[in-house]
């Protein structure tokens, strides 16, 4: 039995974050092999057209959209 308090708690996390990743390969099962800016390797559902390597946005394990191919700058505040 769910309570209203549990519903409020489960909503604290919000939606899953959008990640920037580079497509390194298209796989035969409809997934894409990706590398994040931090160097982590992952697979996500979906393949978008483009010449590999290209950048994409990934959310909840799915390729959402093509991302611009801009240089990455990290600033520590």
PDB file of N, CA and C in Angstrom:
ATOM      1  N   UNK A   1       0.841  -1.179   0.000  1.00  0.00           N
ATOM      2  CA  UNK A   1       0.000   0.000   0.000  1.00  0.00           C
ATOM      3  C   UNK A   1       0.885   1.241   0.000  1.00  0.00           C
ATOM      4  N   UNK A   2       0.737   2.069  -1.018  1.00  0.00           N
ATOM      5  CA  UNK A   2       1.546   3.281  -1.112  1.00  0.00           C
ATOM      6  C   UNK A   2       0.879   4.406  -0.340  1.00  0.00           C
ATOM      7  N   UNK A   3       1.692   5.231   0.231  1.00  0.00           N
ATOM      8  CA  UNK A   3       1.170   6.381   0.960  1.00  0.00           C
ATOM      9  C   UNK A   3       1.563   7.659   0.233  1.00  0.00           C
ATOM     10  N   UNK A   4       0.905   8.730   0.589  1.00  0.00           N
ATOM     11  CA  UNK A   4       1.216  10.013  -0.018  1.00  0.00           C
ATOM     12  C   UNK A   4       2.653  10.426   0.296  1.00  0.00           C
ATOM     13  N   UNK A   5       3.129  10.116   1.477  1.00  0.00           N
ATOM     14  CA  UNK A   5       4.504  10.435   1.849  1.00  0.00           C
ATOM     15  C   UNK A   5       5.491   9.721   0.923  1.00  0.00           C
ATOM     16  N   UNK A   6       5.247   8.450   0.609  1.00  0.00           N
ATOM     17  CA  UNK A   6       6.128   7.709  -0.291  1.00  0.00           C
ATOM     18  C   UNK A   6       6.104   8.318  -1.693  1.00  0.00           C
ATOM     19  N   UNK A   7       4.934   8.757  -2.171  1.00  0.00           N
ATOM     20  CA  UNK A   7       4.843   9.410  -3.476  1.00  0.00           C
ATOM     21  C   UNK A   7       5.676  10.684  -3.506  1.00  0.00           C
ATOM     22  N   UNK A   8       5.638  11.464  -2.454  1.00  0.00           N
ATOM     23  CA  UNK A   8       6.433  12.684  -2.378  1.00  0.00           C
ATOM     24  C   UNK A   8       7.932  12.347  -2.384  1.00  0.00           C
ATOM     25  N   UNK A   9       8.310  11.306  -1.667  1.00  0.00           N
ATOM     26  CA  UNK A   9       9.703  10.896  -1.611  1.00  0.00           C
ATOM     27  C   UNK A   9      10.194  10.426  -2.974  1.00  0.00           C
ATOM     28  N   UNK A  10       9.393   9.659  -3.690  1.00  0.00           N
ATOM     29  CA  UNK A  10       9.818   9.117  -4.989  1.00  0.00           C
ATOM     30  C   UNK A  10       9.966  10.210  -6.041  1.00  0.00           C
ATOM     31  N   UNK A  11       9.312  11.343  -5.876  1.00  0.00           N
ATOM     32  CA  UNK A  11       9.407  12.443  -6.835  1.00  0.00           C
ATOM     33  C   UNK A  11      10.602  13.353  -6.595  1.00  0.00           C
ATOM     34  N   UNK A  12      11.361  13.134  -5.531  1.00  0.00           N
ATOM     35  CA  UNK A  12      12.493  14.000  -5.234  1.00  0.00           C
ATOM     36  C   UNK A  12      13.599  13.897  -6.274  1.00  0.00           C
ATOM     37  N   UNK A  13      13.781  12.731  -6.860  1.00  0.00           N
ATOM     38  CA  UNK A  13      14.858  12.522  -7.818  1.00  0.00           C
ATOM     39  C   UNK A  13      14.671  13.248  -9.129  1.00  0.00           C
ATOM     40  N   UNK A  14      13.462  13.512  -9.510  1.00  0.00           N
ATOM     41  CA  UNK A  14      13.198  14.170 -10.772  1.00  0.00           C
ATOM     42  C   UNK A  14      13.461  13.234 -11.940  1.00  0.00           C
ATOM     43  N   UNK A  15      13.372  13.768 -13.145  1.00  0.00           N
ATOM     44  CA  UNK A  15      13.604  12.928 -14.319  1.00  0.00           C
ATOM     45  C   UNK A  15      15.075  12.546 -14.430  1.00  0.00           C
ATOM     46  N   UNK A  16      15.358  11.512 -15.206  1.00  0.00           N
ATOM     47  CA  UNK A  16      16.750  11.100 -15.369  1.00  0.00           C
ATOM     48  C   UNK A  16      17.515  12.190 -16.130  1.00  0.00           C
ATOM     49  N   UNK A  17      18.790  12.365 -15.796  1.00  0.00           N
ATOM     50  CA  UNK A  17      19.568  13.439 -16.432  1.00  0.00           C
ATOM     51  C   UNK A  17      19.869  13.123 -17.899  1.00  0.00           C
ATOM     52  N   UNK A  18      20.117  14.163 -18.646  1.00  0.00           N
ATOM     53  CA  UNK A  18      20.527  14.029 -20.044  1.00  0.00           C
ATOM     54  C   UNK A  18      22.043  14.046 -20.076  1.00  0.00           C
ATOM     55  N   UNK A  19      22.645  13.066 -20.734  1.00  0.00           N
ATOM     56  CA  UNK A  19      24.096  12.950 -20.815  1.00  0.00           C
ATOM     57  C   UNK A  19      24.571  13.232 -22.228  1.00  0.00           C
ATOM     58  N   UNK A  20      25.737  13.836 -22.329  1.00  0.00           N
ATOM     59  CA  UNK A  20      26.380  14.043 -23.616  1.00  0.00           C
ATOM     60  C   UNK A  20      27.338  12.891 -23.845  1.00  0.00           C
ATOM     61  N   UNK A  21      27.257  12.249 -25.011  1.00  0.00           N
ATOM     62  CA  UNK A  21      28.134  11.124 -25.316  1.00  0.00           C
ATOM     63  C   UNK A  21      28.492  11.147 -26.797  1.00  0.00           C
ATOM     64  N   UNK A  22      29.575  10.449 -27.118  1.00  0.00           N
ATOM     65  CA  UNK A  22      30.027  10.328 -28.495  1.00  0.00           C
ATOM     66  C   UNK A  22      29.728   8.916 -28.987  1.00  0.00           C
ATOM     67  N   UNK A  23      29.082   8.814 -30.138  1.00  0.00           N
ATOM     68  CA  UNK A  23      28.784   7.499 -30.723  1.00  0.00           C
ATOM     69  C   UNK A  23      30.073   6.949 -31.308  1.00  0.00           C
ATOM     70  N   UNK A  24      30.439   5.741 -30.882  1.00  0.00           N
ATOM     71  CA  UNK A  24      31.645   5.096 -31.391  1.00  0.00           C
ATOM     72  C   UNK A  24      31.313   3.951 -32.347  1.00  0.00           C
ATOM     73  N   UNK A  25      30.078   3.419 -32.286  1.00  0.00           N
ATOM     74  CA  UNK A  25      29.670   2.339 -33.190  1.00  0.00           C
ATOM     75  C   UNK A  25      28.163   2.180 -33.174  1.00  0.00           C
ATOM     76  N   UNK A  26      27.615   1.733 -34.298  1.00  0.00           N
ATOM     77  CA  UNK A  26      26.217   1.310 -34.372  1.00  0.00           C
ATOM     78  C   UNK A  26      26.212  -0.203 -34.321  1.00  0.00           C
ATOM     79  N   UNK A  27      25.400  -0.790 -33.465  1.00  0.00           N
ATOM     80  CA  UNK A  27      25.342  -2.233 -33.288  1.00  0.00           C
ATOM     81  C   UNK A  27      24.160  -2.821 -34.045  1.00  0.00           C
ATOM     82  N   UNK A  28      24.267  -4.110 -34.388  1.00  0.00           N
ATOM     83  CA  UNK A  28      23.236  -4.784 -35.191  1.00  0.00           C
ATOM     84  C   UNK A  28      21.901  -4.893 -34.471  1.00  0.00           C
ATOM     85  N   UNK A  29      21.897  -4.822 -33.127  1.00  0.00           N
ATOM     86  CA  UNK A  29      20.652  -4.960 -32.366  1.00  0.00           C
ATOM     87  C   UNK A  29      19.895  -3.642 -32.192  1.00  0.00           C
ATOM     88  N   UNK A  30      20.316  -2.586 -32.899  1.00  0.00           N
ATOM     89  CA  UNK A  30      19.619  -1.301 -32.820  1.00  0.00           C
ATOM     90  C   UNK A  30      20.131  -0.391 -31.727  1.00  0.00           C
ATOM     91  N   UNK A  31      21.215  -0.768 -31.065  1.00  0.00           N
ATOM     92  CA  UNK A  31      21.804   0.073 -30.033  1.00  0.00           C
ATOM     93  C   UNK A  31      23.024   0.797 -30.591  1.00  0.00           C
ATOM     94  N   UNK A  32      23.493   1.770 -29.835  1.00  0.00           N
ATOM     95  CA  UNK A  32      24.709   2.491 -30.177  1.00  0.00           C
ATOM     96  C   UNK A  32      25.700   2.337 -29.041  1.00  0.00           C
ATOM     97  N   UNK A  33      26.966   2.138 -29.380  1.00  0.00           N
ATOM     98  CA  UNK A  33      28.040   2.131 -28.381  1.00  0.00           C
ATOM     99  C   UNK A  33      28.499   3.568 -28.212  1.00  0.00           C
ATOM    100  N   UNK A  34      28.624   4.001 -26.956  1.00  0.00           N
ATOM    101  CA  UNK A  34      28.895   5.401 -26.651  1.00  0.00           C
ATOM    102  C   UNK A  34      30.061   5.542 -25.687  1.00  0.00           C
ATOM    103  N   UNK A  35      30.695   6.703 -25.728  1.00  0.00           N
ATOM    104  CA  UNK A  35      31.702   7.084 -24.747  1.00  0.00           C
ATOM    105  C   UNK A  35      31.319   8.456 -24.213  1.00  0.00           C
ATOM    106  N   UNK A  36      31.225   8.585 -22.889  1.00  0.00           N
ATOM    107  CA  UNK A  36      30.887   9.869 -22.284  1.00  0.00           C
ATOM    108  C   UNK A  36      32.129  10.756 -22.212  1.00  0.00           C
ATOM    109  N   UNK A  37      31.931  12.012 -21.871  1.00  0.00           N
ATOM    110  CA  UNK A  37      33.044  12.953 -21.749  1.00  0.00           C
ATOM    111  C   UNK A  37      34.026  12.521 -20.669  1.00  0.00           C
ATOM    112  N   UNK A  38      33.536  11.792 -19.664  1.00  0.00           N
ATOM    113  CA  UNK A  38      34.385  11.314 -18.583  1.00  0.00           C
ATOM    114  C   UNK A  38      35.142  10.043 -18.965  1.00  0.00           C
ATOM    115  N   UNK A  39      34.827   9.462 -20.136  1.00  0.00           N
ATOM    116  CA  UNK A  39      35.497   8.264 -20.602  1.00  0.00           C
ATOM    117  C   UNK A  39      34.756   6.969 -20.322  1.00  0.00           C
ATOM    118  N   UNK A  40      33.563   7.035 -19.749  1.00  0.00           N
ATOM    119  CA  UNK A  40      32.778   5.831 -19.461  1.00  0.00           C
ATOM    120  C   UNK A  40      32.197   5.261 -20.753  1.00  0.00           C
ATOM    121  N   UNK A  41      32.214   3.940 -20.881  1.00  0.00           N
ATOM    122  CA  UNK A  41      31.650   3.248 -22.026  1.00  0.00           C
ATOM    123  C   UNK A  41      30.231   2.809 -21.689  1.00  0.00           C
ATOM    124  N   UNK A  42      29.308   2.936 -22.655  1.00  0.00           N
ATOM    125  CA  UNK A  42      27.929   2.512 -22.417  1.00  0.00           C
ATOM    126  C   UNK A  42      27.266   2.180 -23.738  1.00  0.00           C
ATOM    127  N   UNK A  43      26.109   1.522 -23.654  1.00  0.00           N
ATOM    128  CA  UNK A  43      25.261   1.249 -24.824  1.00  0.00           C
ATOM    129  C   UNK A  43      23.897   1.851 -24.553  1.00  0.00           C
ATOM    130  N   UNK A  44      23.282   2.382 -25.601  1.00  0.00           N
ATOM    131  CA  UNK A  44      21.953   2.977 -25.472  1.00  0.00           C
ATOM    132  C   UNK A  44      21.106   2.564 -26.661  1.00  0.00           C
ATOM    133  N   UNK A  45      19.796   2.485 -26.453  1.00  0.00           N
ATOM    134  CA  UNK A  45      18.851   2.149 -27.514  1.00  0.00           C
ATOM    135  C   UNK A  45      18.785   3.296 -28.509  1.00  0.00           C
ATOM    136  N   UNK A  46      18.800   2.954 -29.781  1.00  0.00           N
ATOM    137  CA  UNK A  46      18.618   3.962 -30.820  1.00  0.00           C
ATOM    138  C   UNK A  46      19.876   4.230 -31.609  1.00  0.00           C
ATOM    139  N   UNK A  47      19.658   4.604 -32.858  1.00  0.00           N
ATOM    140  CA  UNK A  47      20.736   4.978 -33.752  1.00  0.00           C
ATOM    141  C   UNK A  47      20.268   6.160 -34.575  1.00  0.00           C
ATOM    142  N   UNK A  48      21.053   7.202 -34.581  1.00  0.00           N
ATOM    143  CA  UNK A  48      20.743   8.364 -35.401  1.00  0.00           C
ATOM    144  C   UNK A  48      21.758   8.420 -36.528  1.00  0.00           C
ATOM    145  N   UNK A  49      21.330   8.905 -37.659  1.00  0.00           N
ATOM    146  CA  UNK A  49      22.236   8.981 -38.791  1.00  0.00           C
ATOM    147  C   UNK A  49      23.391   9.922 -38.520  1.00  0.00           C
ATOM    148  N   UNK A  50      24.463   9.691 -39.182  1.00  0.00           N
ATOM    149  CA  UNK A  50      25.618  10.550 -39.021  1.00  0.00           C
ATOM    150  C   UNK A  50      26.891   9.758 -39.235  1.00  0.00           C
ATOM    151  N   UNK A  51      27.948  10.487 -39.496  1.00  0.00           N
ATOM    152  CA  UNK A  51      29.246   9.859 -39.668  1.00  0.00           C
ATOM    153  C   UNK A  51      29.892   9.689 -38.309  1.00  0.00           C
ATOM    154  N   UNK A  52      30.224   8.467 -37.965  1.00  0.00           N
ATOM    155  CA  UNK A  52      30.826   8.165 -36.670  1.00  0.00           C
ATOM    156  C   UNK A  52      32.247   8.697 -36.679  1.00  0.00           C
ATOM    157  N   UNK A  53      32.705   9.374 -35.651  1.00  0.00           N
ATOM    158  CA  UNK A  53      32.041   9.670 -34.384  1.00  0.00           C
ATOM    159  C   UNK A  53      31.221  10.954 -34.462  1.00  0.00           C
ATOM    160  N   UNK A  54      30.107  10.981 -33.743  1.00  0.00           N
ATOM    161  CA  UNK A  54      29.302  12.188 -33.602  1.00  0.00           C
ATOM    162  C   UNK A  54      28.688  12.196 -32.206  1.00  0.00           C
ATOM    163  N   UNK A  55      28.313  13.381 -31.737  1.00  0.00           N
ATOM    164  CA  UNK A  55      27.794  13.544 -30.377  1.00  0.00           C
ATOM    165  C   UNK A  55      26.280  13.402 -30.337  1.00  0.00           C
ATOM    166  N   UNK A  56      25.797  12.827 -29.244  1.00  0.00           N
ATOM    167  CA  UNK A  56      24.359  12.668 -29.041  1.00  0.00           C
ATOM    168  C   UNK A  56      24.008  12.973 -27.583  1.00  0.00           C
ATOM    169  N   UNK A  57      22.727  13.235 -27.356  1.00  0.00           N
ATOM    170  CA  UNK A  57      22.176  13.340 -26.005  1.00  0.00           C
ATOM    171  C   UNK A  57      21.539  12.002 -25.671  1.00  0.00           C
ATOM    172  N   UNK A  58      21.806  11.492 -24.474  1.00  0.00           N
ATOM    173  CA  UNK A  58      21.277  10.214 -24.012  1.00  0.00           C
ATOM    174  C   UNK A  58      20.494  10.456 -22.729  1.00  0.00           C
ATOM    175  N   UNK A  59      19.291   9.894 -22.649  1.00  0.00           N
ATOM    176  CA  UNK A  59      18.469  10.026 -21.454  1.00  0.00           C
ATOM    177  C   UNK A  59      17.724   8.723 -21.225  1.00  0.00           C
ATOM    178  N   UNK A  60      17.807   8.218 -20.014  1.00  0.00           N
ATOM    179  CA  UNK A  60      17.116   6.986 -19.613  1.00  0.00           C
ATOM    180  C   UNK A  60      17.461   5.808 -20.524  1.00  0.00           C
ATOM    181  N   UNK A  61      18.723   5.716 -20.935  1.00  0.00           N
ATOM    182  CA  UNK A  61      19.158   4.581 -21.734  1.00  0.00           C
ATOM    183  C   UNK A  61      18.786   4.640 -23.197  1.00  0.00           C
ATOM    184  N   UNK A  62      18.352   5.811 -23.679  1.00  0.00           N
ATOM    185  CA  UNK A  62      17.954   5.970 -25.081  1.00  0.00           C
ATOM    186  C   UNK A  62      18.675   7.169 -25.698  1.00  0.00           C
ATOM    187  N   UNK A  63      19.056   7.019 -26.958  1.00  0.00           N
ATOM    188  CA  UNK A  63      19.619   8.143 -27.702  1.00  0.00           C
ATOM    189  C   UNK A  63      18.463   9.071 -28.042  1.00  0.00           C
ATOM    190  N   UNK A  64      18.543  10.316 -27.572  1.00  0.00           N
ATOM    191  CA  UNK A  64      17.425  11.258 -27.709  1.00  0.00           C
ATOM    192  C   UNK A  64      17.568  12.146 -28.939  1.00  0.00           C
ATOM    193  N   UNK A  65      18.765  12.710 -29.146  1.00  0.00           N
ATOM    194  CA  UNK A  65      18.930  13.687 -30.211  1.00  0.00           C
ATOM    195  C   UNK A  65      20.413  13.838 -30.522  1.00  0.00           C
ATOM    196  N   UNK A  66      20.708  14.400 -31.687  1.00  0.00           N
ATOM    197  CA  UNK A  66      22.087  14.714 -32.051  1.00  0.00           C
ATOM    198  C   UNK A  66      22.496  15.972 -31.296  1.00  0.00           C
ATOM    199  N   UNK A  67      23.708  15.969 -30.755  1.00  0.00           N
ATOM    200  CA  UNK A  67      24.237  17.124 -30.026  1.00  0.00           C
ATOM    201  C   UNK A  67      25.260  17.843 -30.902  1.00  0.00           C
ATOM    202  N   UNK A  68      25.452  19.128 -30.672  1.00  0.00           N
ATOM    203  CA  UNK A  68      26.439  19.853 -31.475  1.00  0.00           C
ATOM    204  C   UNK A  68      27.852  19.339 -31.206  1.00  0.00           C
ATOM    205  N   UNK A  69      28.685  19.393 -32.221  1.00  0.00           N
ATOM    206  CA  UNK A  69      30.064  18.938 -32.101  1.00  0.00           C
ATOM    207  C   UNK A  69      30.943  20.137 -31.750  1.00  0.00           C
ATOM    208  N   UNK A  70      30.883  20.530 -30.495  1.00  0.00           N
ATOM    209  CA  UNK A  70      31.641  21.680 -30.009  1.00  0.00           C
ATOM    210  C   UNK A  70      32.716  21.212 -29.049  1.00  0.00           C
ATOM    211  N   UNK A  71      33.768  22.000 -28.882  1.00  0.00           N
ATOM    212  CA  UNK A  71      34.790  21.596 -27.905  1.00  0.00           C
ATOM    213  C   UNK A  71      34.230  21.640 -26.499  1.00  0.00           C
ATOM    214  N   UNK A  72      34.686  20.704 -25.659  1.00  0.00           N
ATOM    215  CA  UNK A  72      34.230  20.612 -24.283  1.00  0.00           C
ATOM    216  C   UNK A  72      35.171  21.411 -23.400  1.00  0.00           C
ATOM    217  N   UNK A  73      34.605  22.304 -22.598  1.00  0.00           N
ATOM    218  CA  UNK A  73      35.383  23.107 -21.661  1.00  0.00           C
ATOM    219  C   UNK A  73      34.843  22.846 -20.271  1.00  0.00           C
ATOM    220  N   UNK A  74      35.722  22.493 -19.352  1.00  0.00           N
ATOM    221  CA  UNK A  74      35.310  22.228 -17.973  1.00  0.00           C
ATOM    222  C   UNK A  74      35.894  23.312 -17.085  1.00  0.00           C
ATOM    223  N   UNK A  75      35.029  23.944 -16.303  1.00  0.00           N
ATOM    224  CA  UNK A  75      35.435  25.019 -15.408  1.00  0.00           C
ATOM    225  C   UNK A  75      35.115  24.629 -13.988  1.00  0.00           C
ATOM    226  N   UNK A  76      36.079  24.748 -13.099  1.00  0.00           N
ATOM    227  CA  UNK A  76      35.852  24.470 -11.683  1.00  0.00           C
ATOM    228  C   UNK A  76      35.652  25.785 -10.959  1.00  0.00           C
ATOM    229  N   UNK A  77      34.563  25.861 -10.206  1.00  0.00           N
ATOM    230  CA  UNK A  77      34.244  27.099  -9.480  1.00  0.00           C
ATOM    231  C   UNK A  77      34.450  26.867  -8.005  1.00  0.00           C
TER     232      UNK A  77
END
